[in-house]
């Protein structure tokens, strides 16, 4: 595809005639290089513009077909995106409120759990204390039983009396 040149070449006459042919050739080569560089820039700009048009047509395709005007299609797309953004913001706010409510419930449950844990720990301490008291009472009772049995044995051996075997009574230790 050819592009119209925006660069007007200088007429050869403007180059001093007293210049050597080499200088005139170099001047023309420089001028040609500038023209080619400008052409590359224009081709790149056209390519970029075509890509942008393709992207807009892709994005605005349905809107462009229904309205026929790229500006109207673009405005419709902007309105649609604004509505989508507002819906997303509403949903985000709703989710934040849900999260806040769940965090409050979780804090309450954790507080209740911590309170129950404290109560259970106090009950466990009380039960441990009761266990120690019961174990001491059992130990004292066993010691007392041992002392009584020893006393009975000594009495039976010393006085030759059958204290455990009385007629009509059952032996309570057997």
N, C-alpha and C. Protein backbone atom coordinates (compact mmCIF):
# COMPACT_ATOMS: atom_id res chain seq x y z
N UNK A 1 0.85 -1.17 0.00
CA UNK A 1 0.00 0.00 0.00
C UNK A 1 0.89 1.23 0.00
N UNK A 2 0.57 2.13 -0.86
CA UNK A 2 1.36 3.35 -0.99
C UNK A 2 0.79 4.44 -0.10
N UNK A 3 1.67 5.22 0.50
CA UNK A 3 1.27 6.34 1.34
C UNK A 3 1.69 7.64 0.68
N UNK A 4 0.85 8.65 0.79
CA UNK A 4 1.29 9.94 0.24
C UNK A 4 2.43 10.49 1.08
N UNK A 5 3.43 11.01 0.44
CA UNK A 5 4.58 11.55 1.14
C UNK A 5 4.24 12.93 1.71
N UNK A 6 4.63 13.12 2.94
CA UNK A 6 4.44 14.42 3.54
C UNK A 6 5.72 15.25 3.46
N UNK A 7 6.70 14.67 2.87
CA UNK A 7 8.01 15.30 2.80
C UNK A 7 8.23 15.78 1.37
N UNK A 8 8.48 17.02 1.23
CA UNK A 8 8.78 17.60 -0.08
C UNK A 8 10.29 17.59 -0.27
N UNK A 9 10.74 16.83 -1.24
CA UNK A 9 12.19 16.84 -1.46
C UNK A 9 12.66 18.20 -1.98
N UNK A 10 13.84 18.53 -1.58
CA UNK A 10 14.43 19.79 -2.05
C UNK A 10 14.85 19.62 -3.51
N UNK A 11 14.63 20.61 -4.29
CA UNK A 11 15.10 20.49 -5.68
C UNK A 11 16.63 20.44 -5.69
N UNK A 12 17.12 19.71 -6.63
CA UNK A 12 18.56 19.52 -6.72
C UNK A 12 19.26 20.86 -6.92
N UNK A 13 18.56 21.81 -7.52
CA UNK A 13 19.18 23.11 -7.76
C UNK A 13 19.52 23.83 -6.47
N UNK A 14 18.79 23.48 -5.36
CA UNK A 14 19.06 24.17 -4.10
C UNK A 14 20.40 23.77 -3.53
N UNK A 15 20.91 22.63 -3.92
CA UNK A 15 22.23 22.22 -3.49
C UNK A 15 23.22 23.04 -4.31
N UNK A 16 24.13 23.55 -3.65
CA UNK A 16 25.09 24.43 -4.34
C UNK A 16 25.73 23.68 -5.50
N UNK A 17 25.73 24.35 -6.63
CA UNK A 17 26.27 23.71 -7.82
C UNK A 17 27.79 23.56 -7.73
N UNK A 18 28.35 24.34 -6.88
CA UNK A 18 29.79 24.23 -6.76
C UNK A 18 30.21 23.06 -5.87
N UNK A 19 29.21 22.37 -5.29
CA UNK A 19 29.52 21.20 -4.47
C UNK A 19 29.95 20.05 -5.38
N UNK A 20 30.69 19.18 -4.81
CA UNK A 20 31.15 18.04 -5.58
C UNK A 20 29.99 17.06 -5.82
N UNK A 21 30.07 16.24 -6.84
CA UNK A 21 29.00 15.28 -7.10
C UNK A 21 28.83 14.30 -5.92
N UNK A 22 29.89 14.00 -5.22
CA UNK A 22 29.79 13.10 -4.07
C UNK A 22 28.91 13.71 -2.98
N UNK A 23 29.10 15.01 -2.74
CA UNK A 23 28.31 15.69 -1.71
C UNK A 23 26.85 15.75 -2.14
N UNK A 24 26.63 16.01 -3.44
CA UNK A 24 25.25 16.04 -3.92
C UNK A 24 24.61 14.66 -3.77
N UNK A 25 25.36 13.60 -4.05
CA UNK A 25 24.83 12.23 -3.89
C UNK A 25 24.54 11.94 -2.41
N UNK A 26 25.46 12.35 -1.56
CA UNK A 26 25.25 12.14 -0.12
C UNK A 26 24.01 12.88 0.36
N UNK A 27 23.82 14.10 -0.17
CA UNK A 27 22.65 14.89 0.21
C UNK A 27 21.38 14.17 -0.24
N UNK A 28 21.37 13.65 -1.43
CA UNK A 28 20.21 12.92 -1.93
C UNK A 28 19.98 11.62 -1.15
N UNK A 29 21.06 10.95 -0.77
CA UNK A 29 20.94 9.72 0.02
C UNK A 29 20.34 10.04 1.38
N UNK A 30 20.79 11.11 2.01
CA UNK A 30 20.24 11.52 3.31
C UNK A 30 18.76 11.84 3.18
N UNK A 31 18.44 12.57 2.10
CA UNK A 31 17.05 12.94 1.87
C UNK A 31 16.21 11.68 1.66
N UNK A 32 16.69 10.73 0.90
CA UNK A 32 15.98 9.48 0.65
C UNK A 32 15.83 8.68 1.95
N UNK A 33 16.85 8.66 2.80
CA UNK A 33 16.78 7.96 4.09
C UNK A 33 15.70 8.56 4.97
N UNK A 34 15.61 9.89 4.95
CA UNK A 34 14.57 10.55 5.74
C UNK A 34 13.18 10.18 5.23
N UNK A 35 13.04 10.14 3.93
CA UNK A 35 11.75 9.78 3.34
C UNK A 35 11.38 8.35 3.70
N UNK A 36 12.36 7.43 3.62
CA UNK A 36 12.09 6.02 3.96
C UNK A 36 11.74 5.86 5.45
N UNK A 37 12.44 6.59 6.29
CA UNK A 37 12.14 6.53 7.73
C UNK A 37 10.73 7.04 8.01
N UNK A 38 10.35 8.14 7.32
CA UNK A 38 9.00 8.68 7.49
C UNK A 38 7.96 7.66 7.02
N UNK A 39 8.27 6.99 5.92
CA UNK A 39 7.35 5.98 5.40
C UNK A 39 7.20 4.83 6.41
N UNK A 40 8.29 4.35 7.02
CA UNK A 40 8.21 3.29 8.03
C UNK A 40 7.36 3.73 9.22
N UNK A 41 7.53 4.96 9.63
CA UNK A 41 6.74 5.48 10.76
C UNK A 41 5.26 5.54 10.40
N UNK A 42 4.96 5.98 9.17
CA UNK A 42 3.57 6.04 8.73
C UNK A 42 2.96 4.63 8.64
N UNK A 43 3.73 3.68 8.13
CA UNK A 43 3.24 2.30 8.05
C UNK A 43 2.97 1.73 9.44
N UNK A 44 3.84 2.02 10.40
CA UNK A 44 3.63 1.56 11.77
C UNK A 44 2.40 2.21 12.38
N UNK A 45 2.22 3.52 12.15
CA UNK A 45 1.05 4.23 12.67
C UNK A 45 -0.22 3.64 12.07
N UNK A 46 -0.20 3.31 10.77
CA UNK A 46 -1.36 2.72 10.12
C UNK A 46 -1.65 1.34 10.71
N UNK A 47 -0.61 0.56 10.90
CA UNK A 47 -0.78 -0.77 11.50
C UNK A 47 -1.37 -0.67 12.90
N UNK A 48 -0.86 0.25 13.71
CA UNK A 48 -1.40 0.45 15.06
C UNK A 48 -2.86 0.88 15.01
N UNK A 49 -3.18 1.78 14.07
CA UNK A 49 -4.56 2.25 13.94
C UNK A 49 -5.47 1.10 13.53
N UNK A 50 -5.00 0.25 12.62
CA UNK A 50 -5.81 -0.89 12.19
C UNK A 50 -6.04 -1.86 13.35
N UNK A 51 -5.01 -2.08 14.17
CA UNK A 51 -5.17 -2.94 15.34
C UNK A 51 -6.20 -2.36 16.32
N UNK A 52 -6.13 -1.05 16.52
CA UNK A 52 -7.08 -0.40 17.42
C UNK A 52 -8.50 -0.51 16.88
N UNK A 53 -8.66 -0.31 15.58
CA UNK A 53 -9.99 -0.43 14.96
C UNK A 53 -10.49 -1.86 15.11
N UNK A 54 -9.62 -2.84 14.87
CA UNK A 54 -10.02 -4.24 15.02
C UNK A 54 -10.44 -4.53 16.47
N UNK A 55 -9.68 -4.03 17.43
CA UNK A 55 -10.01 -4.24 18.84
C UNK A 55 -11.36 -3.61 19.18
N UNK A 56 -11.57 -2.38 18.71
CA UNK A 56 -12.85 -1.72 18.96
C UNK A 56 -13.99 -2.47 18.30
N UNK A 57 -13.80 -2.92 17.06
CA UNK A 57 -14.85 -3.68 16.38
C UNK A 57 -15.14 -4.98 17.11
N UNK A 58 -14.09 -5.62 17.66
CA UNK A 58 -14.29 -6.86 18.41
C UNK A 58 -15.08 -6.60 19.69
N UNK A 59 -14.68 -5.55 20.41
CA UNK A 59 -15.35 -5.22 21.67
C UNK A 59 -16.76 -4.70 21.42
N UNK A 60 -16.89 -3.84 20.42
CA UNK A 60 -18.17 -3.16 20.17
C UNK A 60 -19.00 -3.84 19.09
N UNK A 61 -18.59 -5.02 18.65
CA UNK A 61 -19.26 -5.70 17.55
C UNK A 61 -20.78 -5.69 17.62
N UNK A 62 -21.39 -6.30 18.67
CA UNK A 62 -22.85 -6.33 18.72
C UNK A 62 -23.47 -4.94 18.80
N UNK A 63 -22.86 -4.05 19.60
CA UNK A 63 -23.40 -2.71 19.73
C UNK A 63 -23.27 -1.95 18.42
N UNK A 64 -22.15 -2.16 17.73
CA UNK A 64 -21.91 -1.46 16.47
C UNK A 64 -22.92 -1.90 15.42
N UNK A 65 -23.27 -3.17 15.40
CA UNK A 65 -24.23 -3.67 14.42
C UNK A 65 -25.62 -3.12 14.69
N UNK A 66 -26.00 -3.00 15.99
CA UNK A 66 -27.35 -2.54 16.30
C UNK A 66 -27.48 -1.02 16.14
N UNK A 67 -26.42 -0.26 16.41
CA UNK A 67 -26.53 1.20 16.34
C UNK A 67 -26.03 1.76 15.02
N UNK A 68 -25.04 1.12 14.46
CA UNK A 68 -24.49 1.59 13.21
C UNK A 68 -23.44 2.67 13.38
N UNK A 69 -23.38 3.28 14.53
CA UNK A 69 -22.42 4.36 14.76
C UNK A 69 -21.38 3.90 15.77
N UNK A 70 -20.10 4.03 15.44
CA UNK A 70 -19.07 3.62 16.40
C UNK A 70 -19.12 4.43 17.69
N UNK A 71 -19.46 5.70 17.61
CA UNK A 71 -19.52 6.55 18.80
C UNK A 71 -20.65 6.08 19.70
N UNK A 72 -21.82 5.83 19.11
CA UNK A 72 -22.96 5.36 19.89
C UNK A 72 -22.65 4.00 20.50
N UNK A 73 -22.03 3.13 19.71
CA UNK A 73 -21.65 1.80 20.22
C UNK A 73 -20.68 1.93 21.38
N UNK A 74 -19.72 2.83 21.25
CA UNK A 74 -18.75 3.04 22.32
C UNK A 74 -19.43 3.57 23.57
N UNK A 75 -20.34 4.52 23.40
CA UNK A 75 -21.07 5.06 24.55
C UNK A 75 -21.93 3.98 25.22
N UNK A 76 -22.58 3.16 24.38
CA UNK A 76 -23.37 2.05 24.95
C UNK A 76 -22.49 1.09 25.74
N UNK A 77 -21.33 0.80 25.19
CA UNK A 77 -20.40 -0.11 25.89
C UNK A 77 -19.92 0.51 27.20
N UNK A 78 -19.64 1.81 27.20
CA UNK A 78 -19.23 2.50 28.43
C UNK A 78 -20.33 2.45 29.47
N UNK A 79 -21.60 2.70 29.04
CA UNK A 79 -22.74 2.61 29.98
C UNK A 79 -22.87 1.21 30.54
N UNK A 80 -22.73 0.21 29.67
CA UNK A 80 -22.82 -1.17 30.12
C UNK A 80 -21.74 -1.48 31.16
N UNK A 81 -20.50 -1.05 30.87
CA UNK A 81 -19.40 -1.30 31.80
C UNK A 81 -19.60 -0.55 33.12
N UNK A 82 -20.18 0.64 33.07
CA UNK A 82 -20.48 1.38 34.31
C UNK A 82 -21.50 0.63 35.15
N UNK A 83 -22.55 0.11 34.47
CA UNK A 83 -23.56 -0.67 35.21
C UNK A 83 -22.93 -1.92 35.83
N UNK A 84 -22.10 -2.58 35.06
CA UNK A 84 -21.42 -3.77 35.57
C UNK A 84 -20.55 -3.42 36.78
N UNK A 85 -19.86 -2.29 36.70
CA UNK A 85 -19.01 -1.85 37.81
C UNK A 85 -19.86 -1.57 39.05
N UNK A 86 -21.00 -0.88 38.85
CA UNK A 86 -21.88 -0.58 40.00
C UNK A 86 -22.42 -1.86 40.61
N UNK A 87 -22.81 -2.83 39.77
CA UNK A 87 -23.30 -4.11 40.28
C UNK A 87 -22.20 -4.83 41.06
N UNK A 88 -20.99 -4.81 40.52
CA UNK A 88 -19.87 -5.46 41.21
C UNK A 88 -19.58 -4.76 42.54
N UNK A 89 -19.66 -3.42 42.57
CA UNK A 89 -19.43 -2.69 43.83
C UNK A 89 -20.51 -3.02 44.85
N UNK A 90 -21.80 -3.11 44.38
CA UNK A 90 -22.89 -3.49 45.30
C UNK A 90 -22.66 -4.89 45.86
N UNK A 91 -22.28 -5.81 44.99
CA UNK A 91 -22.03 -7.18 45.44
C UNK A 91 -20.86 -7.22 46.41
N UNK A 92 -19.82 -6.44 46.14
CA UNK A 92 -18.68 -6.37 47.04
C UNK A 92 -19.11 -5.84 48.40
N UNK A 93 -19.91 -4.79 48.42
CA UNK A 93 -20.40 -4.22 49.68
C UNK A 93 -21.25 -5.24 50.43
N UNK A 94 -22.09 -5.96 49.70
CA UNK A 94 -22.93 -6.99 50.31
C UNK A 94 -22.05 -8.08 50.92
N UNK A 95 -21.02 -8.50 50.19
CA UNK A 95 -20.11 -9.53 50.70
C UNK A 95 -19.34 -9.04 51.92
N UNK A 96 -18.95 -7.75 51.91
CA UNK A 96 -18.27 -7.19 53.08
C UNK A 96 -19.17 -7.24 54.30
N UNK A 97 -20.48 -6.90 54.11
CA UNK A 97 -21.43 -6.96 55.23
C UNK A 97 -21.58 -8.39 55.73
N UNK A 98 -21.64 -9.34 54.80
CA UNK A 98 -21.73 -10.76 55.19
C UNK A 98 -20.50 -11.16 56.00
N UNK A 99 -19.34 -10.75 55.53
CA UNK A 99 -18.09 -11.09 56.22
C UNK A 99 -18.08 -10.48 57.62
N UNK A 100 -18.51 -9.21 57.74
CA UNK A 100 -18.57 -8.57 59.05
C UNK A 100 -19.51 -9.32 59.99
N UNK A 101 -20.68 -9.75 59.48
CA UNK A 101 -21.63 -10.49 60.30
C UNK A 101 -21.04 -11.83 60.73
N UNK A 102 -20.38 -12.51 59.80
CA UNK A 102 -19.77 -13.80 60.13
C UNK A 102 -18.63 -13.63 61.14
N UNK A 103 -17.85 -12.57 60.99
CA UNK A 103 -16.78 -12.31 61.96
C UNK A 103 -17.35 -12.04 63.34
N UNK A 104 -18.47 -11.31 63.41
CA UNK A 104 -19.10 -11.04 64.71
C UNK A 104 -19.60 -12.35 65.33
N UNK A 105 -20.24 -13.20 64.51
CA UNK A 105 -20.70 -14.49 65.01
C UNK A 105 -19.53 -15.35 65.49
N UNK A 106 -18.45 -15.35 64.71
CA UNK A 106 -17.28 -16.13 65.09
C UNK A 106 -16.69 -15.62 66.40
N UNK A 107 -16.63 -14.31 66.56
CA UNK A 107 -16.10 -13.74 67.81
C UNK A 107 -16.97 -14.17 68.99
N UNK A 108 -18.30 -14.16 68.79
CA UNK A 108 -19.20 -14.58 69.87
C UNK A 108 -19.01 -16.06 70.20
N UNK A 109 -18.91 -16.88 69.16
CA UNK A 109 -18.70 -18.32 69.37
C UNK A 109 -17.38 -18.56 70.09
N UNK A 110 -16.32 -17.85 69.66
CA UNK A 110 -15.03 -18.01 70.31
C UNK A 110 -15.08 -17.55 71.77
N UNK A 111 -15.78 -16.46 72.01
CA UNK A 111 -15.93 -15.98 73.38
C UNK A 111 -16.67 -17.00 74.23
N UNK A 112 -17.78 -17.53 73.68
CA UNK A 112 -18.53 -18.57 74.40
C UNK A 112 -17.66 -19.80 74.63
N UNK A 113 -16.91 -20.18 73.60
CA UNK A 113 -16.03 -21.34 73.72
C UNK A 113 -14.98 -21.10 74.80
N UNK A 114 -14.38 -19.91 74.81
CA UNK A 114 -13.36 -19.59 75.82
C UNK A 114 -13.96 -19.60 77.22
N UNK A 115 -15.20 -19.10 77.34
CA UNK A 115 -15.86 -19.11 78.65
C UNK A 115 -16.12 -20.55 79.09
N UNK A 116 -16.64 -21.38 78.17
CA UNK A 116 -16.87 -22.79 78.51
C UNK A 116 -15.56 -23.49 78.84
N UNK A 117 -14.51 -23.15 78.12
CA UNK A 117 -13.20 -23.74 78.39
C UNK A 117 -12.73 -23.37 79.80
N UNK A 118 -12.93 -22.10 80.19
CA UNK A 118 -12.54 -21.68 81.54
C UNK A 118 -13.35 -22.44 82.60
N UNK A 119 -14.66 -22.59 82.34
CA UNK A 119 -15.51 -23.32 83.29
C UNK A 119 -15.05 -24.76 83.39
N UNK A 120 -14.78 -25.38 82.25
CA UNK A 120 -14.33 -26.78 82.26
C UNK A 120 -12.97 -26.92 82.95
N UNK A 121 -12.08 -25.98 82.71
CA UNK A 121 -10.77 -26.04 83.38
C UNK A 121 -10.93 -25.92 84.90
N UNK A 122 -11.84 -25.04 85.34
CA UNK A 122 -12.10 -24.93 86.78
C UNK A 122 -12.70 -26.22 87.32
N UNK A 123 -13.63 -26.83 86.56
CA UNK A 123 -14.21 -28.11 86.99
C UNK A 123 -13.14 -29.19 87.06
N UNK A 124 -12.24 -29.21 86.08
CA UNK A 124 -11.15 -30.20 86.09
C UNK A 124 -10.27 -30.01 87.30
N UNK A 125 -9.94 -28.74 87.62
CA UNK A 125 -9.13 -28.47 88.82
C UNK A 125 -9.85 -28.97 90.07
N UNK A 126 -11.17 -28.70 90.14
CA UNK A 126 -11.95 -29.16 91.28
C UNK A 126 -11.98 -30.67 91.37
N UNK A 127 -12.15 -31.33 90.21
CA UNK A 127 -12.17 -32.80 90.20
C UNK A 127 -10.80 -33.37 90.59
N UNK A 128 -9.74 -32.74 90.17
CA UNK A 128 -8.40 -33.21 90.56
C UNK A 128 -8.22 -33.07 92.07
N UNK A 129 -8.70 -31.94 92.59
CA UNK A 129 -8.61 -31.73 94.05
C UNK A 129 -9.44 -32.78 94.78
N UNK A 130 -10.66 -33.04 94.27
CA UNK A 130 -11.51 -34.08 94.87
C UNK A 130 -10.83 -35.45 94.79
N UNK A 131 -10.22 -35.73 93.63
CA UNK A 131 -9.53 -37.02 93.45
C UNK A 131 -8.41 -37.17 94.49
N UNK A 132 -7.64 -36.10 94.68
CA UNK A 132 -6.56 -36.15 95.66
C UNK A 132 -7.11 -36.37 97.07
N UNK A 133 -8.22 -35.70 97.38
CA UNK A 133 -8.83 -35.87 98.70
C UNK A 133 -9.32 -37.30 98.88
N UNK A 134 -9.95 -37.84 97.83
CA UNK A 134 -10.45 -39.22 97.90
C UNK A 134 -9.31 -40.21 98.02
N UNK A 135 -8.24 -39.99 97.24
CA UNK A 135 -7.08 -40.88 97.32
C UNK A 135 -6.46 -40.84 98.71
N UNK A 136 -6.40 -39.66 99.31
CA UNK A 136 -5.86 -39.54 100.67
C UNK A 136 -6.77 -40.25 101.66
N UNK A 137 -8.10 -40.09 101.49
CA UNK A 137 -9.05 -40.77 102.39
C UNK A 137 -8.92 -42.28 102.26
N UNK A 138 -8.76 -42.77 101.01
CA UNK A 138 -8.59 -44.21 100.79
C UNK A 138 -7.30 -44.67 101.45
N UNK A 139 -6.22 -43.90 101.25
CA UNK A 139 -4.95 -44.26 101.86
C UNK A 139 -5.06 -44.30 103.39
N UNK A 140 -5.74 -43.28 103.96
CA UNK A 140 -5.94 -43.27 105.42
C UNK A 140 -6.77 -44.46 105.87
N UNK A 141 -7.83 -44.79 105.10
CA UNK A 141 -8.69 -45.92 105.45
C UNK A 141 -7.91 -47.24 105.36
N UNK A 142 -7.06 -47.36 104.32
CA UNK A 142 -6.25 -48.58 104.19
C UNK A 142 -5.27 -48.70 105.35
N UNK A 143 -4.68 -47.58 105.72
CA UNK A 143 -3.75 -47.58 106.85
C UNK A 143 -4.47 -47.95 108.15
N UNK A 144 -5.66 -47.39 108.34
CA UNK A 144 -6.44 -47.69 109.53
C UNK A 144 -6.84 -49.16 109.54
N UNK A 145 -7.26 -49.70 108.36
CA UNK A 145 -7.62 -51.11 108.26
C UNK A 145 -6.42 -51.99 108.59
N UNK A 146 -5.26 -51.62 108.06
CA UNK A 146 -4.05 -52.39 108.33
C UNK A 146 -3.73 -52.36 109.83
N UNK A 147 -3.89 -51.17 110.43
CA UNK A 147 -3.62 -51.05 111.87
C UNK A 147 -4.60 -51.91 112.66
N UNK A 148 -5.87 -51.91 112.30
CA UNK A 148 -6.87 -52.71 113.02
C UNK A 148 -6.61 -54.20 112.84
N UNK A 149 -6.28 -54.61 111.61
CA UNK A 149 -5.98 -56.03 111.38
C UNK A 149 -4.75 -56.45 112.18
N UNK A 150 -3.75 -55.57 112.21
CA UNK A 150 -2.54 -55.89 112.99
C UNK A 150 -2.89 -55.98 114.47
N UNK A 151 -3.71 -55.09 114.96
CA UNK A 151 -4.15 -55.11 116.37
C UNK A 151 -4.90 -56.39 116.69
N UNK A 152 -5.78 -56.80 115.77
CA UNK A 152 -6.55 -58.04 115.98
C UNK A 152 -5.62 -59.22 116.00
N UNK A 153 -4.66 -59.27 115.06
CA UNK A 153 -3.72 -60.39 115.02
C UNK A 153 -2.88 -60.46 116.29
N UNK A 154 -2.40 -59.30 116.73
CA UNK A 154 -1.57 -59.27 117.95
C UNK A 154 -2.42 -59.72 119.15
N UNK A 155 -3.65 -59.24 119.22
CA UNK A 155 -4.54 -59.60 120.34
C UNK A 155 -4.84 -61.09 120.31
N UNK A 156 -5.09 -61.63 119.12
CA UNK A 156 -5.39 -63.07 119.03
C UNK A 156 -4.17 -63.89 119.44
N UNK A 157 -2.96 -63.45 119.05
CA UNK A 157 -1.76 -64.21 119.39
C UNK A 157 -1.41 -64.04 120.87
N UNK A 158 -1.53 -62.82 121.39
CA UNK A 158 -1.16 -62.55 122.77
C UNK A 158 -2.14 -63.20 123.75
N UNK A 159 -3.42 -63.05 123.51
CA UNK A 159 -4.41 -63.50 124.49
C UNK A 159 -5.08 -64.79 124.07
N UNK A 160 -4.71 -65.31 122.97
CA UNK A 160 -5.22 -66.58 122.48
C UNK A 160 -6.75 -66.56 122.42
N UNK A 161 -7.27 -65.52 121.85
CA UNK A 161 -8.72 -65.36 121.72
C UNK A 161 -9.03 -65.29 120.21
N UNK A 162 -10.10 -65.95 119.77
CA UNK A 162 -10.54 -65.84 118.39
C UNK A 162 -11.49 -64.65 118.27
N UNK A 163 -10.95 -63.54 117.85
CA UNK A 163 -11.77 -62.33 117.75
C UNK A 163 -12.55 -62.35 116.42
N UNK A 164 -11.99 -62.86 115.39
CA UNK A 164 -12.64 -62.83 114.08
C UNK A 164 -13.69 -63.91 113.93
N UNK A 165 -13.56 -64.99 114.60
CA UNK A 165 -14.48 -66.09 114.39
C UNK A 165 -15.39 -66.22 115.60
N UNK A 166 -16.44 -65.50 115.63
CA UNK A 166 -17.43 -65.62 116.68
C UNK A 166 -18.61 -66.40 116.12
N UNK A 167 -19.16 -67.22 116.91
CA UNK A 167 -20.31 -67.96 116.43
C UNK A 167 -21.51 -67.00 116.21
N UNK A 168 -22.19 -67.16 115.04
CA UNK A 168 -23.35 -66.32 114.73
C UNK A 168 -22.99 -65.06 113.97
N UNK A 169 -21.75 -64.68 113.89
CA UNK A 169 -21.35 -63.48 113.14
C UNK A 169 -20.61 -63.91 111.88
N UNK A 170 -20.82 -63.17 110.81
CA UNK A 170 -20.07 -63.44 109.58
C UNK A 170 -18.82 -62.58 109.57
N UNK A 171 -17.78 -63.14 109.02
CA UNK A 171 -16.52 -62.37 108.93
C UNK A 171 -16.70 -61.29 107.87
N UNK A 172 -16.53 -60.04 108.26
CA UNK A 172 -16.78 -58.91 107.36
C UNK A 172 -15.64 -58.71 106.36
N UNK A 173 -14.49 -59.25 106.62
CA UNK A 173 -13.37 -59.03 105.72
C UNK A 173 -13.28 -60.06 104.62
N UNK A 174 -13.94 -61.14 104.75
CA UNK A 174 -13.85 -62.20 103.74
C UNK A 174 -14.73 -61.93 102.57
